[in-house]
Amino acid sequence: MILEHAILPVRPGRESDFEAAMHRARPLIAAQPGFVSLSVQRSLETPNEYLLLVEWDSLEAHTQGFRTSPEYARWRELLHEFYDPFPRVEHFVEISSGTPALP
């Protein structure tokens, strides 16, 4: 499992428009082979910044699948106008999970 992470810096004053666009864009990514889940969260301290977390089956599902698809072109049309500066995307692999054992 791969976790895609990005901080999305949305142009101040465009937050509502961005959230509406993200709602429209969500089905584009959710329909992709290898897609597992998507979470978008808004910062309390910096209200024009959002945390994007996407789980993929593999790195290739994102980089060679979604990013080369017609759906990604539409994703860009819907969302990329909101970012300033453009976000840096990173991919993570889990090394530990679970909750602490109860006594």
N, C-alpha and C. Protein backbone atom coordinates (compact mmCIF):
# COMPACT_ATOMS: atom_id res chain seq x y z
N MET A 1 0.85 -1.17 0.00
CA MET A 1 0.00 0.00 0.00
C MET A 1 0.89 1.24 0.00
N ILE A 2 0.53 2.23 -0.80
CA ILE A 2 1.25 3.49 -0.91
C ILE A 2 0.33 4.61 -0.48
N LEU A 3 0.86 5.56 0.29
CA LEU A 3 0.11 6.73 0.70
C LEU A 3 0.67 7.96 0.01
N GLU A 4 -0.15 8.58 -0.81
CA GLU A 4 0.20 9.84 -1.46
C GLU A 4 -0.17 10.96 -0.49
N HIS A 5 0.73 11.94 -0.35
CA HIS A 5 0.54 13.04 0.58
C HIS A 5 0.85 14.35 -0.13
N ALA A 6 -0.02 15.34 0.07
CA ALA A 6 0.27 16.68 -0.45
C ALA A 6 -0.43 17.70 0.43
N ILE A 7 0.27 18.81 0.68
CA ILE A 7 -0.35 19.98 1.29
C ILE A 7 -0.79 20.86 0.12
N LEU A 8 -2.08 21.17 0.08
CA LEU A 8 -2.64 21.94 -1.03
C LEU A 8 -2.85 23.39 -0.58
N PRO A 9 -1.98 24.31 -1.02
CA PRO A 9 -2.13 25.72 -0.66
C PRO A 9 -3.11 26.41 -1.62
N VAL A 10 -4.32 26.61 -1.16
CA VAL A 10 -5.37 27.20 -2.00
C VAL A 10 -5.30 28.72 -1.89
N ARG A 11 -5.48 29.38 -3.02
CA ARG A 11 -5.46 30.85 -3.03
C ARG A 11 -6.48 31.38 -2.03
N PRO A 12 -6.07 32.28 -1.13
CA PRO A 12 -6.99 32.81 -0.12
C PRO A 12 -8.26 33.38 -0.78
N GLY A 13 -9.39 33.08 -0.16
CA GLY A 13 -10.68 33.52 -0.67
C GLY A 13 -11.32 32.55 -1.65
N ARG A 14 -10.59 31.51 -2.06
CA ARG A 14 -11.10 30.54 -3.04
C ARG A 14 -11.45 29.20 -2.39
N GLU A 15 -11.44 29.14 -1.06
CA GLU A 15 -11.64 27.88 -0.35
C GLU A 15 -12.97 27.21 -0.70
N SER A 16 -14.06 27.95 -0.71
CA SER A 16 -15.37 27.35 -1.01
C SER A 16 -15.41 26.81 -2.44
N ASP A 17 -14.85 27.56 -3.37
CA ASP A 17 -14.80 27.10 -4.76
C ASP A 17 -13.95 25.84 -4.88
N PHE A 18 -12.81 25.83 -4.18
CA PHE A 18 -11.95 24.65 -4.19
C PHE A 18 -12.69 23.43 -3.64
N GLU A 19 -13.36 23.60 -2.52
CA GLU A 19 -14.06 22.47 -1.91
C GLU A 19 -15.15 21.92 -2.83
N ALA A 20 -15.85 22.80 -3.53
CA ALA A 20 -16.86 22.35 -4.50
C ALA A 20 -16.20 21.62 -5.66
N ALA A 21 -15.08 22.13 -6.14
CA ALA A 21 -14.36 21.47 -7.24
C ALA A 21 -13.82 20.12 -6.80
N MET A 22 -13.32 20.02 -5.58
CA MET A 22 -12.82 18.74 -5.07
C MET A 22 -13.96 17.72 -4.99
N HIS A 23 -15.13 18.19 -4.60
CA HIS A 23 -16.29 17.29 -4.55
C HIS A 23 -16.61 16.73 -5.94
N ARG A 24 -16.48 17.57 -6.98
CA ARG A 24 -16.72 17.13 -8.36
C ARG A 24 -15.59 16.23 -8.86
N ALA A 25 -14.36 16.48 -8.38
CA ALA A 25 -13.19 15.72 -8.86
C ALA A 25 -13.06 14.35 -8.19
N ARG A 26 -13.59 14.20 -7.02
CA ARG A 26 -13.42 12.96 -6.24
C ARG A 26 -13.79 11.69 -7.03
N PRO A 27 -14.92 11.65 -7.74
CA PRO A 27 -15.25 10.43 -8.50
C PRO A 27 -14.24 10.09 -9.59
N LEU A 28 -13.52 11.09 -10.12
CA LEU A 28 -12.53 10.84 -11.17
C LEU A 28 -11.39 9.96 -10.66
N ILE A 29 -10.94 10.23 -9.45
CA ILE A 29 -9.84 9.47 -8.88
C ILE A 29 -10.34 8.16 -8.28
N ALA A 30 -11.53 8.20 -7.70
CA ALA A 30 -12.08 7.01 -7.03
C ALA A 30 -12.33 5.86 -8.01
N ALA A 31 -12.52 6.16 -9.27
CA ALA A 31 -12.81 5.14 -10.27
C ALA A 31 -11.54 4.50 -10.85
N GLN A 32 -10.37 4.97 -10.44
CA GLN A 32 -9.11 4.49 -11.01
C GLN A 32 -8.71 3.12 -10.49
N PRO A 33 -8.18 2.26 -11.35
CA PRO A 33 -7.62 0.99 -10.89
C PRO A 33 -6.51 1.26 -9.88
N GLY A 34 -6.51 0.53 -8.79
CA GLY A 34 -5.49 0.69 -7.77
C GLY A 34 -5.81 1.73 -6.72
N PHE A 35 -6.88 2.50 -6.90
CA PHE A 35 -7.30 3.48 -5.90
C PHE A 35 -7.88 2.75 -4.70
N VAL A 36 -7.52 3.21 -3.50
CA VAL A 36 -8.05 2.61 -2.27
C VAL A 36 -8.93 3.61 -1.51
N SER A 37 -8.40 4.81 -1.23
CA SER A 37 -9.18 5.79 -0.47
C SER A 37 -8.61 7.19 -0.69
N LEU A 38 -9.44 8.18 -0.37
CA LEU A 38 -9.05 9.58 -0.48
C LEU A 38 -9.57 10.33 0.74
N SER A 39 -8.73 11.18 1.30
CA SER A 39 -9.12 12.04 2.41
C SER A 39 -8.59 13.44 2.13
N VAL A 40 -9.44 14.45 2.32
CA VAL A 40 -9.03 15.84 2.20
C VAL A 40 -9.46 16.53 3.48
N GLN A 41 -8.50 17.16 4.15
CA GLN A 41 -8.78 17.82 5.41
C GLN A 41 -8.27 19.25 5.37
N ARG A 42 -9.03 20.15 5.99
CA ARG A 42 -8.69 21.58 6.01
C ARG A 42 -7.96 21.93 7.30
N SER A 43 -6.91 22.72 7.18
CA SER A 43 -6.14 23.15 8.34
C SER A 43 -6.94 24.12 9.20
N LEU A 44 -6.89 23.92 10.51
CA LEU A 44 -7.52 24.86 11.44
C LEU A 44 -6.68 26.14 11.57
N GLU A 45 -5.36 25.97 11.58
CA GLU A 45 -4.47 27.11 11.77
C GLU A 45 -4.28 27.94 10.50
N THR A 46 -4.31 27.29 9.36
CA THR A 46 -4.12 27.96 8.07
C THR A 46 -5.27 27.54 7.16
N PRO A 47 -6.42 28.23 7.26
CA PRO A 47 -7.65 27.75 6.62
C PRO A 47 -7.61 27.62 5.10
N ASN A 48 -6.59 28.18 4.45
CA ASN A 48 -6.51 28.02 2.99
C ASN A 48 -5.57 26.87 2.61
N GLU A 49 -5.14 26.05 3.60
CA GLU A 49 -4.32 24.88 3.31
C GLU A 49 -5.09 23.60 3.62
N TYR A 50 -4.93 22.64 2.73
CA TYR A 50 -5.62 21.36 2.85
C TYR A 50 -4.60 20.23 2.79
N LEU A 51 -4.91 19.16 3.50
CA LEU A 51 -4.08 17.96 3.47
C LEU A 51 -4.79 16.93 2.59
N LEU A 52 -4.13 16.50 1.54
CA LEU A 52 -4.64 15.46 0.65
C LEU A 52 -3.90 14.17 0.96
N LEU A 53 -4.65 13.11 1.26
CA LEU A 53 -4.09 11.78 1.46
C LEU A 53 -4.84 10.82 0.55
N VAL A 54 -4.10 10.12 -0.30
CA VAL A 54 -4.69 9.14 -1.20
C VAL A 54 -3.95 7.82 -1.00
N GLU A 55 -4.69 6.77 -0.76
CA GLU A 55 -4.09 5.44 -0.68
C GLU A 55 -4.23 4.75 -2.04
N TRP A 56 -3.12 4.15 -2.47
CA TRP A 56 -3.06 3.41 -3.73
C TRP A 56 -2.54 2.01 -3.46
N ASP A 57 -2.91 1.07 -4.32
CA ASP A 57 -2.35 -0.29 -4.24
C ASP A 57 -0.86 -0.29 -4.52
N SER A 58 -0.42 0.61 -5.40
CA SER A 58 0.99 0.67 -5.79
C SER A 58 1.33 2.08 -6.26
N LEU A 59 2.60 2.40 -6.30
CA LEU A 59 3.04 3.69 -6.82
C LEU A 59 2.64 3.84 -8.28
N GLU A 60 2.76 2.75 -9.03
CA GLU A 60 2.43 2.79 -10.46
C GLU A 60 0.95 3.08 -10.72
N ALA A 61 0.08 2.65 -9.81
CA ALA A 61 -1.35 2.94 -9.96
C ALA A 61 -1.57 4.45 -10.01
N HIS A 62 -0.77 5.19 -9.27
CA HIS A 62 -0.88 6.64 -9.28
C HIS A 62 -0.10 7.26 -10.43
N THR A 63 1.20 6.95 -10.50
CA THR A 63 2.07 7.67 -11.44
C THR A 63 1.91 7.24 -12.89
N GLN A 64 1.67 5.96 -13.13
CA GLN A 64 1.53 5.47 -14.50
C GLN A 64 0.07 5.23 -14.88
N GLY A 65 -0.78 5.08 -13.88
CA GLY A 65 -2.20 4.86 -14.14
C GLY A 65 -2.96 6.17 -14.17
N PHE A 66 -3.26 6.70 -13.00
CA PHE A 66 -4.07 7.91 -12.90
C PHE A 66 -3.45 9.10 -13.63
N ARG A 67 -2.18 9.32 -13.42
CA ARG A 67 -1.56 10.52 -14.01
C ARG A 67 -1.46 10.49 -15.53
N THR A 68 -1.65 9.36 -16.15
CA THR A 68 -1.65 9.31 -17.62
C THR A 68 -3.05 9.12 -18.19
N SER A 69 -4.05 9.18 -17.32
CA SER A 69 -5.43 8.92 -17.75
C SER A 69 -6.15 10.20 -18.18
N PRO A 70 -7.22 10.06 -18.97
CA PRO A 70 -8.06 11.21 -19.31
C PRO A 70 -8.71 11.82 -18.06
N GLU A 71 -8.95 11.00 -17.05
CA GLU A 71 -9.55 11.51 -15.81
C GLU A 71 -8.60 12.47 -15.10
N TYR A 72 -7.30 12.22 -15.19
CA TYR A 72 -6.34 13.13 -14.57
C TYR A 72 -6.36 14.49 -15.28
N ALA A 73 -6.52 14.49 -16.58
CA ALA A 73 -6.62 15.76 -17.31
C ALA A 73 -7.81 16.57 -16.79
N ARG A 74 -8.91 15.91 -16.56
CA ARG A 74 -10.10 16.59 -16.00
C ARG A 74 -9.84 17.04 -14.56
N TRP A 75 -9.17 16.19 -13.75
CA TRP A 75 -8.79 16.54 -12.38
C TRP A 75 -7.98 17.85 -12.39
N ARG A 76 -7.00 17.93 -13.28
CA ARG A 76 -6.19 19.15 -13.40
C ARG A 76 -7.05 20.36 -13.73
N GLU A 77 -7.95 20.20 -14.70
CA GLU A 77 -8.83 21.30 -15.08
C GLU A 77 -9.65 21.81 -13.90
N LEU A 78 -10.14 20.88 -13.09
CA LEU A 78 -10.98 21.24 -11.96
C LEU A 78 -10.21 21.87 -10.79
N LEU A 79 -8.99 21.41 -10.54
CA LEU A 79 -8.33 21.75 -9.28
C LEU A 79 -7.06 22.59 -9.37
N HIS A 80 -6.28 22.46 -10.41
CA HIS A 80 -4.95 23.07 -10.39
C HIS A 80 -4.96 24.59 -10.41
N GLU A 81 -6.02 25.21 -10.84
CA GLU A 81 -6.09 26.67 -10.83
C GLU A 81 -6.11 27.26 -9.42
N PHE A 82 -6.43 26.46 -8.42
CA PHE A 82 -6.58 26.96 -7.06
C PHE A 82 -5.25 27.06 -6.30
N TYR A 83 -4.21 26.40 -6.76
CA TYR A 83 -2.98 26.27 -5.98
C TYR A 83 -1.99 27.40 -6.21
N ASP A 84 -1.45 27.91 -5.10
CA ASP A 84 -0.38 28.90 -5.16
C ASP A 84 0.40 28.84 -3.86
N PRO A 85 1.62 28.27 -3.91
CA PRO A 85 2.30 27.66 -5.06
C PRO A 85 1.74 26.26 -5.34
N PHE A 86 2.23 25.67 -6.42
CA PHE A 86 1.79 24.32 -6.77
C PHE A 86 2.31 23.35 -5.71
N PRO A 87 1.46 22.42 -5.25
CA PRO A 87 1.85 21.50 -4.17
C PRO A 87 2.91 20.49 -4.60
N ARG A 88 3.69 20.08 -3.62
CA ARG A 88 4.66 19.00 -3.79
C ARG A 88 3.98 17.72 -3.32
N VAL A 89 4.01 16.70 -4.15
CA VAL A 89 3.41 15.41 -3.85
C VAL A 89 4.50 14.42 -3.48
N GLU A 90 4.27 13.67 -2.40
CA GLU A 90 5.21 12.64 -1.99
C GLU A 90 4.44 11.35 -1.74
N HIS A 91 5.16 10.25 -1.83
CA HIS A 91 4.57 8.92 -1.63
C HIS A 91 5.26 8.25 -0.45
N PHE A 92 4.48 7.60 0.39
CA PHE A 92 4.99 6.95 1.59
C PHE A 92 4.58 5.49 1.62
N VAL A 93 5.43 4.69 2.24
CA VAL A 93 5.13 3.28 2.45
C VAL A 93 5.13 3.04 3.95
N GLU A 94 4.18 2.26 4.42
CA GLU A 94 4.02 2.02 5.85
C GLU A 94 5.13 1.13 6.40
N ILE A 95 5.64 1.54 7.53
CA ILE A 95 6.64 0.70 8.22
C ILE A 95 6.11 0.15 9.54
N SER A 96 5.01 0.75 10.04
CA SER A 96 4.44 0.30 11.31
C SER A 96 2.98 0.76 11.36
N SER A 97 2.13 -0.05 11.93
CA SER A 97 0.73 0.34 12.08
C SER A 97 0.14 -0.35 13.30
N GLY A 98 -1.09 -0.03 13.57
CA GLY A 98 -1.78 -0.66 14.69
C GLY A 98 -1.85 0.25 15.89
N THR A 99 -2.48 -0.23 16.90
CA THR A 99 -2.62 0.50 18.14
C THR A 99 -1.83 -0.22 19.23
N PRO A 100 -1.43 0.52 20.24
CA PRO A 100 -0.68 -0.12 21.31
C PRO A 100 -1.50 -1.23 21.97
N ALA A 101 -0.83 -2.26 22.41
CA ALA A 101 -1.49 -3.36 23.10
C ALA A 101 -2.04 -2.89 24.44
N LEU A 102 -3.19 -3.37 24.79
CA LEU A 102 -3.78 -3.04 26.08
C LEU A 102 -3.11 -3.88 27.17
N PRO A 103 -2.97 -3.31 28.38
CA PRO A 103 -2.35 -4.09 29.48
C PRO A 103 -3.19 -5.27 29.89
